Amino acid sequence: MLTLDDLRAMILVLPETVETSAFGNPCFKVGDKAICFWNVGHDCPVFKVSFDERDLLIEAEPETFFTTPHHRPSPLVLARPQTVDPEWARVTVERTWRRLARRAMVKRYDAGRGEGEESA
């Protein structure tokens, strides 16, 4: 089970992320770019993924992933909180953050975690 509080905790540990609101829905951003939403009407998270990934997820796991006529034109996938894997959510959120955050920030984040360092 993935809750809004779980999602919030996953996202807000990433540098320069904030929680805002978009059309009455909790929205998480880095800078002015949205990473993820919580759709209040469907009571579920909405993740940014490519169209191809979205279609693959819906085909492979229709009990977890879906879209709506409103979301279909955008590279977004909705996930049922009862069945979505929290680790998949965490990885997807971080991948989206990496794509949207400033490169220098991602490098600092990785350096602080010991990633990207070469062995001597």
N, C-alpha and C. Protein backbone atom coordinates (compact mmCIF):
# COMPACT_ATOMS: atom_id res chain seq x y z
N MET A 1 0.84 -1.19 0.00
CA MET A 1 0.00 0.00 0.00
C MET A 1 0.88 1.24 0.00
N LEU A 2 0.61 2.13 -0.90
CA LEU A 2 1.33 3.40 -1.00
C LEU A 2 0.37 4.52 -0.63
N THR A 3 0.72 5.29 0.37
CA THR A 3 -0.12 6.42 0.78
C THR A 3 0.48 7.73 0.29
N LEU A 4 -0.30 8.77 0.38
CA LEU A 4 0.20 10.10 0.06
C LEU A 4 1.38 10.44 0.96
N ASP A 5 1.31 10.09 2.23
CA ASP A 5 2.43 10.35 3.14
C ASP A 5 3.68 9.59 2.72
N ASP A 6 3.52 8.35 2.26
CA ASP A 6 4.68 7.58 1.76
C ASP A 6 5.30 8.29 0.56
N LEU A 7 4.46 8.71 -0.37
CA LEU A 7 4.94 9.39 -1.57
C LEU A 7 5.64 10.70 -1.20
N ARG A 8 5.04 11.42 -0.31
CA ARG A 8 5.62 12.69 0.18
C ARG A 8 7.02 12.44 0.74
N ALA A 9 7.16 11.41 1.57
CA ALA A 9 8.46 11.09 2.18
C ALA A 9 9.49 10.71 1.12
N MET A 10 9.08 9.98 0.09
CA MET A 10 10.01 9.59 -0.99
C MET A 10 10.53 10.79 -1.75
N ILE A 11 9.65 11.74 -1.99
CA ILE A 11 10.00 12.87 -2.85
C ILE A 11 10.73 13.96 -2.09
N LEU A 12 10.25 14.30 -0.92
CA LEU A 12 10.80 15.47 -0.23
C LEU A 12 12.20 15.24 0.35
N VAL A 13 12.73 14.02 0.29
CA VAL A 13 14.13 13.80 0.68
C VAL A 13 15.07 14.17 -0.46
N LEU A 14 14.55 14.33 -1.66
CA LEU A 14 15.37 14.72 -2.81
C LEU A 14 15.60 16.23 -2.76
N PRO A 15 16.81 16.67 -3.09
CA PRO A 15 17.14 18.10 -3.00
C PRO A 15 16.21 19.00 -3.80
N GLU A 16 15.90 20.13 -3.19
CA GLU A 16 15.13 21.21 -3.80
C GLU A 16 13.76 20.80 -4.29
N THR A 17 13.17 19.81 -3.63
CA THR A 17 11.80 19.42 -3.96
C THR A 17 10.84 20.11 -3.00
N VAL A 18 9.66 20.39 -3.51
CA VAL A 18 8.64 21.04 -2.70
C VAL A 18 7.29 20.42 -3.01
N GLU A 19 6.38 20.57 -2.05
CA GLU A 19 5.00 20.16 -2.28
C GLU A 19 4.19 21.41 -2.55
N THR A 20 3.43 21.36 -3.60
CA THR A 20 2.53 22.46 -3.95
C THR A 20 1.15 21.85 -4.23
N SER A 21 0.32 22.61 -4.87
CA SER A 21 -1.01 22.13 -5.24
C SER A 21 -1.27 22.52 -6.69
N ALA A 22 -1.88 21.60 -7.41
CA ALA A 22 -2.27 21.89 -8.79
C ALA A 22 -3.71 21.43 -8.97
N PHE A 23 -4.59 22.36 -9.23
CA PHE A 23 -6.01 22.06 -9.41
C PHE A 23 -6.58 21.27 -8.23
N GLY A 24 -6.14 21.64 -7.02
CA GLY A 24 -6.64 21.01 -5.81
C GLY A 24 -5.99 19.67 -5.48
N ASN A 25 -4.99 19.28 -6.25
CA ASN A 25 -4.29 18.01 -6.02
C ASN A 25 -2.89 18.28 -5.50
N PRO A 26 -2.42 17.50 -4.52
CA PRO A 26 -1.03 17.63 -4.09
C PRO A 26 -0.10 17.36 -5.28
N CYS A 27 0.89 18.21 -5.41
CA CYS A 27 1.83 18.14 -6.54
C CYS A 27 3.23 18.35 -5.98
N PHE A 28 4.17 17.55 -6.45
CA PHE A 28 5.55 17.63 -5.97
C PHE A 28 6.42 18.09 -7.13
N LYS A 29 7.27 19.08 -6.83
CA LYS A 29 8.07 19.70 -7.89
C LYS A 29 9.54 19.81 -7.50
N VAL A 30 10.36 19.88 -8.52
CA VAL A 30 11.74 20.32 -8.37
C VAL A 30 11.84 21.55 -9.27
N GLY A 31 12.24 22.67 -8.68
CA GLY A 31 12.16 23.92 -9.42
C GLY A 31 10.70 24.17 -9.75
N ASP A 32 10.42 24.47 -11.01
CA ASP A 32 9.02 24.69 -11.40
C ASP A 32 8.46 23.51 -12.18
N LYS A 33 9.15 22.36 -12.12
CA LYS A 33 8.75 21.18 -12.90
C LYS A 33 8.15 20.11 -12.00
N ALA A 34 6.97 19.65 -12.37
CA ALA A 34 6.27 18.63 -11.58
C ALA A 34 6.94 17.27 -11.73
N ILE A 35 7.14 16.61 -10.59
CA ILE A 35 7.70 15.25 -10.56
C ILE A 35 6.57 14.24 -10.53
N CYS A 36 5.56 14.51 -9.71
CA CYS A 36 4.49 13.54 -9.43
C CYS A 36 3.31 14.29 -8.84
N PHE A 37 2.14 13.69 -8.97
CA PHE A 37 0.91 14.25 -8.41
C PHE A 37 0.22 13.20 -7.56
N TRP A 38 -0.72 13.64 -6.73
CA TRP A 38 -1.66 12.73 -6.10
C TRP A 38 -3.03 13.16 -6.58
N ASN A 39 -3.70 12.31 -7.34
CA ASN A 39 -5.01 12.62 -7.88
C ASN A 39 -6.06 12.38 -6.81
N VAL A 40 -6.63 13.45 -6.30
CA VAL A 40 -7.60 13.36 -5.21
C VAL A 40 -8.86 12.64 -5.67
N GLY A 41 -9.29 12.88 -6.88
CA GLY A 41 -10.51 12.26 -7.39
C GLY A 41 -10.43 10.75 -7.47
N HIS A 42 -9.27 10.23 -7.83
CA HIS A 42 -9.06 8.78 -7.91
C HIS A 42 -8.33 8.25 -6.68
N ASP A 43 -7.92 9.15 -5.79
CA ASP A 43 -7.16 8.81 -4.59
C ASP A 43 -5.97 7.91 -4.93
N CYS A 44 -5.14 8.41 -5.86
CA CYS A 44 -3.99 7.61 -6.29
C CYS A 44 -2.88 8.52 -6.82
N PRO A 45 -1.65 7.97 -6.85
CA PRO A 45 -0.55 8.74 -7.41
C PRO A 45 -0.58 8.72 -8.94
N VAL A 46 -0.03 9.78 -9.51
CA VAL A 46 0.12 9.91 -10.96
C VAL A 46 1.60 10.15 -11.22
N PHE A 47 2.20 9.23 -11.97
CA PHE A 47 3.64 9.28 -12.23
C PHE A 47 3.92 9.73 -13.65
N LYS A 48 5.01 10.47 -13.83
CA LYS A 48 5.48 10.85 -15.15
C LYS A 48 6.32 9.71 -15.70
N VAL A 49 5.89 9.15 -16.82
CA VAL A 49 6.63 8.12 -17.52
C VAL A 49 6.45 8.39 -19.02
N SER A 50 7.22 7.72 -19.84
CA SER A 50 7.04 7.89 -21.28
C SER A 50 5.73 7.23 -21.71
N PHE A 51 5.25 7.59 -22.88
CA PHE A 51 4.04 6.95 -23.40
C PHE A 51 4.25 5.45 -23.54
N ASP A 52 5.42 5.05 -24.05
CA ASP A 52 5.70 3.62 -24.24
C ASP A 52 5.70 2.88 -22.91
N GLU A 53 6.35 3.47 -21.88
CA GLU A 53 6.38 2.83 -20.58
C GLU A 53 4.97 2.75 -19.99
N ARG A 54 4.21 3.81 -20.12
CA ARG A 54 2.84 3.81 -19.61
C ARG A 54 2.03 2.67 -20.23
N ASP A 55 2.09 2.56 -21.55
CA ASP A 55 1.32 1.53 -22.23
C ASP A 55 1.77 0.13 -21.83
N LEU A 56 3.08 -0.05 -21.67
CA LEU A 56 3.62 -1.33 -21.24
C LEU A 56 3.16 -1.68 -19.82
N LEU A 57 3.21 -0.71 -18.92
CA LEU A 57 2.78 -0.93 -17.54
C LEU A 57 1.30 -1.31 -17.48
N ILE A 58 0.47 -0.60 -18.22
CA ILE A 58 -0.97 -0.88 -18.21
C ILE A 58 -1.24 -2.27 -18.78
N GLU A 59 -0.52 -2.64 -19.83
CA GLU A 59 -0.71 -3.96 -20.42
C GLU A 59 -0.21 -5.08 -19.49
N ALA A 60 0.93 -4.86 -18.88
CA ALA A 60 1.54 -5.89 -18.04
C ALA A 60 0.86 -6.02 -16.67
N GLU A 61 0.40 -4.90 -16.10
CA GLU A 61 -0.18 -4.91 -14.76
C GLU A 61 -1.45 -4.05 -14.69
N PRO A 62 -2.50 -4.47 -15.39
CA PRO A 62 -3.73 -3.64 -15.39
C PRO A 62 -4.40 -3.55 -14.03
N GLU A 63 -4.06 -4.47 -13.11
CA GLU A 63 -4.63 -4.38 -11.77
C GLU A 63 -3.98 -3.26 -10.97
N THR A 64 -2.84 -2.77 -11.44
CA THR A 64 -2.12 -1.69 -10.75
C THR A 64 -2.15 -0.38 -11.52
N PHE A 65 -1.86 -0.43 -12.81
CA PHE A 65 -1.69 0.80 -13.59
C PHE A 65 -2.87 1.03 -14.53
N PHE A 66 -3.21 2.33 -14.69
CA PHE A 66 -4.31 2.69 -15.57
C PHE A 66 -4.15 4.14 -16.01
N THR A 67 -5.01 4.55 -16.92
CA THR A 67 -5.07 5.94 -17.34
C THR A 67 -6.55 6.33 -17.40
N THR A 68 -6.78 7.56 -17.68
CA THR A 68 -8.14 8.09 -17.83
C THR A 68 -8.18 8.91 -19.11
N PRO A 69 -9.35 9.20 -19.63
CA PRO A 69 -9.42 10.05 -20.83
C PRO A 69 -8.70 11.39 -20.62
N HIS A 70 -8.76 11.94 -19.41
CA HIS A 70 -8.09 13.20 -19.10
C HIS A 70 -6.57 13.07 -19.18
N HIS A 71 -6.03 11.97 -18.65
CA HIS A 71 -4.58 11.78 -18.58
C HIS A 71 -3.98 11.17 -19.85
N ARG A 72 -4.79 10.52 -20.67
CA ARG A 72 -4.30 9.77 -21.83
C ARG A 72 -3.42 10.61 -22.77
N PRO A 73 -3.72 11.88 -23.04
CA PRO A 73 -2.88 12.64 -23.97
C PRO A 73 -1.49 13.01 -23.40
N SER A 74 -1.26 12.73 -22.12
CA SER A 74 -0.01 13.12 -21.47
C SER A 74 0.79 11.87 -21.08
N PRO A 75 2.10 12.01 -20.97
CA PRO A 75 2.94 10.87 -20.57
C PRO A 75 2.86 10.64 -19.06
N LEU A 76 1.70 10.17 -18.62
CA LEU A 76 1.41 9.96 -17.20
C LEU A 76 0.74 8.61 -17.03
N VAL A 77 0.98 7.99 -15.89
CA VAL A 77 0.27 6.76 -15.55
C VAL A 77 -0.23 6.87 -14.11
N LEU A 78 -1.45 6.45 -13.89
CA LEU A 78 -2.02 6.40 -12.55
C LEU A 78 -1.78 5.01 -11.98
N ALA A 79 -1.60 4.94 -10.67
CA ALA A 79 -1.32 3.67 -10.01
C ALA A 79 -2.26 3.47 -8.84
N ARG A 80 -2.80 2.28 -8.74
CA ARG A 80 -3.66 1.96 -7.59
C ARG A 80 -2.78 1.79 -6.36
N PRO A 81 -3.01 2.59 -5.32
CA PRO A 81 -2.13 2.58 -4.16
C PRO A 81 -2.08 1.23 -3.44
N GLN A 82 -3.16 0.44 -3.56
CA GLN A 82 -3.20 -0.85 -2.86
C GLN A 82 -2.25 -1.87 -3.49
N THR A 83 -1.95 -1.73 -4.78
CA THR A 83 -1.16 -2.76 -5.47
C THR A 83 0.17 -2.28 -6.04
N VAL A 84 0.39 -0.97 -6.10
CA VAL A 84 1.66 -0.50 -6.66
C VAL A 84 2.81 -0.84 -5.70
N ASP A 85 3.91 -1.26 -6.26
CA ASP A 85 5.10 -1.60 -5.48
C ASP A 85 5.75 -0.29 -5.01
N PRO A 86 5.87 -0.07 -3.70
CA PRO A 86 6.49 1.17 -3.21
C PRO A 86 7.91 1.36 -3.72
N GLU A 87 8.65 0.29 -3.92
CA GLU A 87 10.02 0.43 -4.45
C GLU A 87 9.98 0.90 -5.90
N TRP A 88 9.04 0.40 -6.69
CA TRP A 88 8.88 0.89 -8.06
C TRP A 88 8.58 2.39 -8.03
N ALA A 89 7.70 2.79 -7.13
CA ALA A 89 7.35 4.21 -7.00
C ALA A 89 8.58 5.04 -6.65
N ARG A 90 9.37 4.57 -5.69
CA ARG A 90 10.56 5.31 -5.27
C ARG A 90 11.54 5.47 -6.42
N VAL A 91 11.80 4.39 -7.14
CA VAL A 91 12.73 4.42 -8.26
C VAL A 91 12.21 5.34 -9.37
N THR A 92 10.93 5.27 -9.64
CA THR A 92 10.33 6.10 -10.69
C THR A 92 10.38 7.58 -10.32
N VAL A 93 10.09 7.89 -9.07
CA VAL A 93 10.15 9.27 -8.60
C VAL A 93 11.58 9.80 -8.71
N GLU A 94 12.56 9.02 -8.27
CA GLU A 94 13.95 9.48 -8.35
C GLU A 94 14.40 9.63 -9.79
N ARG A 95 14.01 8.71 -10.66
CA ARG A 95 14.37 8.80 -12.08
C ARG A 95 13.79 10.07 -12.69
N THR A 96 12.55 10.39 -12.34
CA THR A 96 11.92 11.61 -12.85
C THR A 96 12.62 12.84 -12.28
N TRP A 97 12.94 12.82 -10.99
CA TRP A 97 13.66 13.94 -10.38
C TRP A 97 14.99 14.16 -11.10
N ARG A 98 15.73 13.10 -11.37
CA ARG A 98 17.02 13.21 -12.05
C ARG A 98 16.87 13.84 -13.43
N ARG A 99 15.79 13.51 -14.11
CA ARG A 99 15.56 14.07 -15.45
C ARG A 99 15.21 15.55 -15.39
N LEU A 100 14.52 15.99 -14.32
CA LEU A 100 14.02 17.36 -14.25
C LEU A 100 14.91 18.32 -13.46
N ALA A 101 15.70 17.79 -12.54
CA ALA A 101 16.55 18.64 -11.69
C ALA A 101 17.74 19.18 -12.49
N ARG A 102 18.30 20.25 -11.96
CA ARG A 102 19.51 20.80 -12.58
C ARG A 102 20.64 19.78 -12.48
N ARG A 103 21.44 19.68 -13.53
CA ARG A 103 22.54 18.70 -13.57
C ARG A 103 23.50 18.85 -12.40
N ALA A 104 23.83 20.08 -12.06
CA ALA A 104 24.76 20.32 -10.94
C ALA A 104 24.18 19.78 -9.64
N MET A 105 22.88 19.92 -9.45
CA MET A 105 22.25 19.41 -8.24
C MET A 105 22.31 17.89 -8.20
N VAL A 106 22.07 17.25 -9.32
CA VAL A 106 22.12 15.78 -9.37
C VAL A 106 23.54 15.31 -9.07
N LYS A 107 24.54 16.00 -9.62
CA LYS A 107 25.94 15.63 -9.35
C LYS A 107 26.27 15.77 -7.87
N ARG A 108 25.83 16.86 -7.24
CA ARG A 108 26.06 17.04 -5.80
C ARG A 108 25.36 15.95 -4.99
N TYR A 109 24.15 15.64 -5.38
CA TYR A 109 23.38 14.60 -4.69
C TYR A 109 24.11 13.26 -4.78
N ASP A 110 24.56 12.91 -5.97
CA ASP A 110 25.27 11.65 -6.16
C ASP A 110 26.60 11.64 -5.40
N ALA A 111 27.31 12.76 -5.41
CA ALA A 111 28.58 12.84 -4.69
C ALA A 111 28.36 12.65 -3.20
N GLY A 112 27.30 13.19 -2.68
CA GLY A 112 26.99 13.06 -1.25
C GLY A 112 26.61 11.64 -0.86
N ARG A 113 26.17 10.87 -1.83
CA ARG A 113 25.79 9.48 -1.58
C ARG A 113 26.91 8.51 -1.99
N GLY A 114 28.03 9.07 -2.48
CA GLY A 114 29.16 8.23 -2.88
C GLY A 114 28.97 7.60 -4.24
N GLU A 115 28.00 8.05 -5.04
CA GLU A 115 27.78 7.51 -6.37
C GLU A 115 28.63 8.27 -7.37
N GLY A 116 29.01 7.58 -8.42
CA GLY A 116 29.76 8.22 -9.48
C GLY A 116 31.24 8.37 -9.19
N GLU A 117 31.69 7.92 -8.01
CA GLU A 117 33.10 8.02 -7.68
C GLU A 117 33.83 6.81 -8.23
N GLU A 118 35.02 7.05 -8.74
CA GLU A 118 35.83 5.95 -9.26
C GLU A 118 36.71 5.41 -8.15
N SER A 119 36.95 4.11 -8.20
CA SER A 119 37.85 3.49 -7.21
C SER A 119 39.28 3.85 -7.51
N ALA A 120 40.09 4.05 -6.47
CA ALA A 120 41.49 4.42 -6.67
C ALA A 120 42.34 3.21 -6.90
